[in-house]
């Protein structure tokens, strides 16, 4: 998987082919970052980070501090391996659940979450995430098309995937 734009454009991110996770497709990533615009100096939280492709793309586009939250040890190791290919000091990795992190973290300019599509905790995830967004910040939830979520999101549909974007 390759970074699409910015200072790290073209760099490869290692993935785990034998695992059943779904990294955000490149066309959806491109659309997401076109919507977000410049990220210069912003803080970015990547929940359910998996391979970390969203956080790495954010770093490439100027985000100054990226926090990856992932509970599966296999993916934490993958994230660690991938971060070695980038500038020191940009990335922080935490092995914990998204909910655990959101209960006692600070605020971020942008929070991106890509939980399993079958998750039944999306409403709670939205509520908690919105409490940790800075003024004028954004929370983006990737979900299956038609997911029932709290109102107020700008919803963009890409095949069977939708991006739900809340701006404070």
C-alpha atoms as a PDB file:
ATOM      1  CA  UNK A   1       0.000   0.000   0.000  1.00  0.00           C
ATOM      2  CA  UNK A   2       1.404   3.402  -0.960  1.00  0.00           C
ATOM      3  CA  UNK A   3       1.031   6.926   0.399  1.00  0.00           C
ATOM      4  CA  UNK A   4      -0.841   9.000  -2.175  1.00  0.00           C
ATOM      5  CA  UNK A   5       0.397  12.583  -1.703  1.00  0.00           C
ATOM      6  CA  UNK A   6       2.575  14.930   0.296  1.00  0.00           C
ATOM      7  CA  UNK A   7       6.161  14.714   1.430  1.00  0.00           C
ATOM      8  CA  UNK A   8       6.081  10.891   1.722  1.00  0.00           C
ATOM      9  CA  UNK A   9       4.233  10.346  -1.565  1.00  0.00           C
ATOM     10  CA  UNK A  10       4.947   6.928  -3.031  1.00  0.00           C
ATOM     11  CA  UNK A  11       6.371   5.373   0.136  1.00  0.00           C
ATOM     12  CA  UNK A  12       5.101   1.889   0.828  1.00  0.00           C
ATOM     13  CA  UNK A  13       3.376   0.846   4.028  1.00  0.00           C
ATOM     14  CA  UNK A  14       3.666  -2.807   4.948  1.00  0.00           C
ATOM     15  CA  UNK A  15       0.445  -4.712   5.491  1.00  0.00           C
ATOM     16  CA  UNK A  16      -0.420  -8.214   6.653  1.00  0.00           C
ATOM     17  CA  UNK A  17      -2.017 -10.126   3.810  1.00  0.00           C
ATOM     18  CA  UNK A  18      -3.144 -13.073   5.951  1.00  0.00           C
ATOM     19  CA  UNK A  19      -5.255 -10.965   8.314  1.00  0.00           C
ATOM     20  CA  UNK A  20      -8.919 -10.193   7.745  1.00  0.00           C
ATOM     21  CA  UNK A  21      -8.936  -6.424   8.071  1.00  0.00           C
ATOM     22  CA  UNK A  22      -9.810  -3.882   5.433  1.00  0.00           C
ATOM     23  CA  UNK A  23      -7.430  -0.970   4.976  1.00  0.00           C
ATOM     24  CA  UNK A  24      -9.165   2.121   3.645  1.00  0.00           C
ATOM     25  CA  UNK A  25      -9.131   1.958  -0.149  1.00  0.00           C
ATOM     26  CA  UNK A  26      -6.931   4.446  -1.964  1.00  0.00           C
ATOM     27  CA  UNK A  27      -9.850   6.190  -3.708  1.00  0.00           C
ATOM     28  CA  UNK A  28     -11.573   6.720  -0.343  1.00  0.00           C
ATOM     29  CA  UNK A  29      -8.307   7.934   1.219  1.00  0.00           C
ATOM     30  CA  UNK A  30      -7.848  10.397  -1.631  1.00  0.00           C
ATOM     31  CA  UNK A  31     -11.393  11.704  -1.173  1.00  0.00           C
ATOM     32  CA  UNK A  32     -10.970  11.946   2.601  1.00  0.00           C
ATOM     33  CA  UNK A  33      -7.791  13.992   2.383  1.00  0.00           C
ATOM     34  CA  UNK A  34      -9.226  16.166  -0.393  1.00  0.00           C
ATOM     35  CA  UNK A  35     -12.083  16.985   2.012  1.00  0.00           C
ATOM     36  CA  UNK A  36      -9.743  17.633   4.954  1.00  0.00           C
ATOM     37  CA  UNK A  37      -7.392  19.886   3.011  1.00  0.00           C
ATOM     38  CA  UNK A  38      -4.017  20.965   4.433  1.00  0.00           C
ATOM     39  CA  UNK A  39      -3.088  19.377   7.759  1.00  0.00           C
ATOM     40  CA  UNK A  40      -0.064  21.535   8.529  1.00  0.00           C
ATOM     41  CA  UNK A  41       0.570  21.595  12.281  1.00  0.00           C
ATOM     42  CA  UNK A  42      -2.532  19.604  13.242  1.00  0.00           C
ATOM     43  CA  UNK A  43      -2.800  16.726  15.710  1.00  0.00           C
ATOM     44  CA  UNK A  44      -4.291  13.507  14.356  1.00  0.00           C
ATOM     45  CA  UNK A  45      -5.698  10.460  16.159  1.00  0.00           C
ATOM     46  CA  UNK A  46      -6.035   7.222  14.174  1.00  0.00           C
ATOM     47  CA  UNK A  47      -8.351   4.849  16.076  1.00  0.00           C
ATOM     48  CA  UNK A  48      -8.495   1.177  15.067  1.00  0.00           C
ATOM     49  CA  UNK A  49      -5.276   1.999  13.213  1.00  0.00           C
ATOM     50  CA  UNK A  50      -4.561  -1.401  11.631  1.00  0.00           C
ATOM     51  CA  UNK A  51      -1.750  -0.815   9.125  1.00  0.00           C
ATOM     52  CA  UNK A  52      -1.729   2.897   9.972  1.00  0.00           C
ATOM     53  CA  UNK A  53      -2.175   4.024   6.377  1.00  0.00           C
ATOM     54  CA  UNK A  54      -4.517   6.881   7.355  1.00  0.00           C
ATOM     55  CA  UNK A  55      -2.113   8.224   9.988  1.00  0.00           C
ATOM     56  CA  UNK A  56       0.868   7.902   7.662  1.00  0.00           C
ATOM     57  CA  UNK A  57      -1.054   9.752   4.950  1.00  0.00           C
ATOM     58  CA  UNK A  58      -1.885  12.492   7.509  1.00  0.00           C
ATOM     59  CA  UNK A  59       1.816  12.797   8.388  1.00  0.00           C
ATOM     60  CA  UNK A  60       2.697  13.043   4.715  1.00  0.00           C
ATOM     61  CA  UNK A  61       0.237  15.911   4.385  1.00  0.00           C
ATOM     62  CA  UNK A  62       1.650  17.933   7.269  1.00  0.00           C
ATOM     63  CA  UNK A  63       0.085  16.697  10.531  1.00  0.00           C
ATOM     64  CA  UNK A  64       2.598  17.353  13.320  1.00  0.00           C
ATOM     65  CA  UNK A  65       1.649  14.606  15.768  1.00  0.00           C
ATOM     66  CA  UNK A  66      -0.067  11.331  14.931  1.00  0.00           C
ATOM     67  CA  UNK A  67      -1.331   8.942  17.594  1.00  0.00           C
ATOM     68  CA  UNK A  68      -2.146   5.395  16.570  1.00  0.00           C
ATOM     69  CA  UNK A  69      -4.504   3.399  18.798  1.00  0.00           C
ATOM     70  CA  UNK A  70      -4.730  -0.311  18.081  1.00  0.00           C
ATOM     71  CA  UNK A  71      -5.557  -3.167  20.436  1.00  0.00           C
ATOM     72  CA  UNK A  72      -4.190  -6.111  18.420  1.00  0.00           C
ATOM     73  CA  UNK A  73      -0.523  -6.832  19.149  1.00  0.00           C
ATOM     74  CA  UNK A  74       0.126  -8.026  15.596  1.00  0.00           C
ATOM     75  CA  UNK A  75      -0.901  -4.631  14.209  1.00  0.00           C
ATOM     76  CA  UNK A  76       0.988  -2.712  16.909  1.00  0.00           C
ATOM     77  CA  UNK A  77       4.128  -4.535  15.798  1.00  0.00           C
ATOM     78  CA  UNK A  78       3.337  -3.712  12.169  1.00  0.00           C
ATOM     79  CA  UNK A  79       2.841  -0.035  13.068  1.00  0.00           C
ATOM     80  CA  UNK A  80       6.151  -0.033  14.914  1.00  0.00           C
ATOM     81  CA  UNK A  81       7.896  -1.501  11.894  1.00  0.00           C
ATOM     82  CA  UNK A  82       6.282   1.014   9.545  1.00  0.00           C
ATOM     83  CA  UNK A  83       7.116   4.057  11.709  1.00  0.00           C
ATOM     84  CA  UNK A  84      10.837   3.258  11.472  1.00  0.00           C
ATOM     85  CA  UNK A  85      10.661   4.416   7.850  1.00  0.00           C
ATOM     86  CA  UNK A  86       9.611   7.957   8.843  1.00  0.00           C
ATOM     87  CA  UNK A  87      10.915  10.949  10.790  1.00  0.00           C
ATOM     88  CA  UNK A  88      11.305  10.424  14.525  1.00  0.00           C
ATOM     89  CA  UNK A  89       8.916  12.222  16.825  1.00  0.00           C
ATOM     90  CA  UNK A  90       5.847  12.250  14.605  1.00  0.00           C
ATOM     91  CA  UNK A  91       4.210   9.082  15.848  1.00  0.00           C
ATOM     92  CA  UNK A  92       2.928   7.684  19.112  1.00  0.00           C
ATOM     93  CA  UNK A  93       1.549   4.147  19.313  1.00  0.00           C
ATOM     94  CA  UNK A  94      -0.765   2.874  22.011  1.00  0.00           C
ATOM     95  CA  UNK A  95      -1.903  -0.693  22.442  1.00  0.00           C
ATOM     96  CA  UNK A  96      -5.389  -0.263  23.855  1.00  0.00           C
ATOM     97  CA  UNK A  97      -8.998  -0.069  22.782  1.00  0.00           C
ATOM     98  CA  UNK A  98     -10.369   3.086  21.241  1.00  0.00           C
ATOM     99  CA  UNK A  99     -12.815   3.457  24.143  1.00  0.00           C
ATOM    100  CA  UNK A 100     -10.086   3.153  26.752  1.00  0.00           C
ATOM    101  CA  UNK A 101      -8.048   5.851  25.015  1.00  0.00           C
ATOM    102  CA  UNK A 102     -11.024   8.183  24.567  1.00  0.00           C
ATOM    103  CA  UNK A 103     -11.959   8.019  28.236  1.00  0.00           C
ATOM    104  CA  UNK A 104      -8.821   9.844  29.372  1.00  0.00           C
ATOM    105  CA  UNK A 105      -7.074  11.458  26.385  1.00  0.00           C
ATOM    106  CA  UNK A 106      -6.713  15.112  25.502  1.00  0.00           C
ATOM    107  CA  UNK A 107      -8.098  16.859  22.453  1.00  0.00           C
ATOM    108  CA  UNK A 108      -7.145  16.385  18.818  1.00  0.00           C
ATOM    109  CA  UNK A 109      -7.693  18.474  15.728  1.00  0.00           C
ATOM    110  CA  UNK A 110      -8.748  15.417  13.744  1.00  0.00           C
ATOM    111  CA  UNK A 111      -9.899  11.993  14.897  1.00  0.00           C
ATOM    112  CA  UNK A 112     -10.338   9.212  12.362  1.00  0.00           C
ATOM    113  CA  UNK A 113     -11.946   5.897  13.336  1.00  0.00           C
ATOM    114  CA  UNK A 114     -12.350   2.787  11.204  1.00  0.00           C
ATOM    115  CA  UNK A 115     -13.910   0.215  13.535  1.00  0.00           C
ATOM    116  CA  UNK A 116     -15.111  -3.193  12.337  1.00  0.00           C
ATOM    117  CA  UNK A 117     -18.225  -2.696  10.226  1.00  0.00           C
ATOM    118  CA  UNK A 118     -20.153  -5.092  12.462  1.00  0.00           C
ATOM    119  CA  UNK A 119     -19.490  -2.971  15.572  1.00  0.00           C
ATOM    120  CA  UNK A 120     -22.567  -2.225  17.667  1.00  0.00           C
ATOM    121  CA  UNK A 121     -20.879   0.599  19.590  1.00  0.00           C
ATOM    122  CA  UNK A 122     -20.783   3.257  16.886  1.00  0.00           C
ATOM    123  CA  UNK A 123     -23.130   5.707  18.607  1.00  0.00           C
ATOM    124  CA  UNK A 124     -21.011   5.642  21.789  1.00  0.00           C
ATOM    125  CA  UNK A 125     -17.833   5.979  19.702  1.00  0.00           C
ATOM    126  CA  UNK A 126     -19.209   9.098  18.003  1.00  0.00           C
ATOM    127  CA  UNK A 127     -20.264  10.624  21.329  1.00  0.00           C
ATOM    128  CA  UNK A 128     -16.893  10.032  22.999  1.00  0.00           C
ATOM    129  CA  UNK A 129     -14.876  11.140  19.978  1.00  0.00           C
ATOM    130  CA  UNK A 130     -16.745  14.421  19.654  1.00  0.00           C
ATOM    131  CA  UNK A 131     -15.806  15.223  23.261  1.00  0.00           C
ATOM    132  CA  UNK A 132     -12.124  15.105  22.259  1.00  0.00           C
ATOM    133  CA  UNK A 133     -12.175  17.329  19.186  1.00  0.00           C
ATOM    134  CA  UNK A 134     -10.716  20.828  19.319  1.00  0.00           C
ATOM    135  CA  UNK A 135     -12.790  23.817  18.257  1.00  0.00           C
ATOM    136  CA  UNK A 136     -13.151  23.623  14.454  1.00  0.00           C
ATOM    137  CA  UNK A 137     -11.839  20.050  14.617  1.00  0.00           C
ATOM    138  CA  UNK A 138     -13.264  17.071  12.797  1.00  0.00           C
ATOM    139  CA  UNK A 139     -14.242  13.529  13.634  1.00  0.00           C
ATOM    140  CA  UNK A 140     -14.388  11.099  10.725  1.00  0.00           C
ATOM    141  CA  UNK A 141     -15.975   7.676  11.094  1.00  0.00           C
ATOM    142  CA  UNK A 142     -15.616   5.141   8.311  1.00  0.00           C
ATOM    143  CA  UNK A 143     -18.587   2.777   8.348  1.00  0.00           C
ATOM    144  CA  UNK A 144     -20.651   0.552   6.144  1.00  0.00           C
ATOM    145  CA  UNK A 145     -23.166   2.297   3.926  1.00  0.00           C
ATOM    146  CA  UNK A 146     -26.423   3.018   5.725  1.00  0.00           C
ATOM    147  CA  UNK A 147     -25.075   2.804   9.277  1.00  0.00           C
ATOM    148  CA  UNK A 148     -27.421   4.425  11.791  1.00  0.00           C
ATOM    149  CA  UNK A 149     -25.447   7.211  13.453  1.00  0.00           C
ATOM    150  CA  UNK A 150     -26.077  10.437  15.363  1.00  0.00           C
ATOM    151  CA  UNK A 151     -27.211  13.370  13.237  1.00  0.00           C
ATOM    152  CA  UNK A 152     -25.003  16.208  12.137  1.00  0.00           C
ATOM    153  CA  UNK A 153     -22.516  14.380   9.953  1.00  0.00           C
ATOM    154  CA  UNK A 154     -21.629  15.203   6.390  1.00  0.00           C
ATOM    155  CA  UNK A 155     -22.029  11.745   4.815  1.00  0.00           C
ATOM    156  CA  UNK A 156     -20.104  10.690   1.708  1.00  0.00           C
ATOM    157  CA  UNK A 157     -20.830   7.281   0.152  1.00  0.00           C
ATOM    158  CA  UNK A 158     -18.269   5.225  -1.800  1.00  0.00           C
ATOM    159  CA  UNK A 159     -19.744   1.882  -2.850  1.00  0.00           C
ATOM    160  CA  UNK A 160     -20.522  -0.044   0.362  1.00  0.00           C
ATOM    161  CA  UNK A 161     -18.468   2.383   2.495  1.00  0.00           C
ATOM    162  CA  UNK A 162     -19.436   5.739   3.887  1.00  0.00           C
ATOM    163  CA  UNK A 163     -17.390   8.490   5.496  1.00  0.00           C
ATOM    164  CA  UNK A 164     -19.261  10.330   8.226  1.00  0.00           C
ATOM    165  CA  UNK A 165     -17.680  13.698   9.043  1.00  0.00           C
ATOM    166  CA  UNK A 166     -18.591  15.833  12.024  1.00  0.00           C
ATOM    167  CA  UNK A 167     -17.088  19.319  12.308  1.00  0.00           C
ATOM    168  CA  UNK A 168     -17.221  21.302  15.550  1.00  0.00           C
END
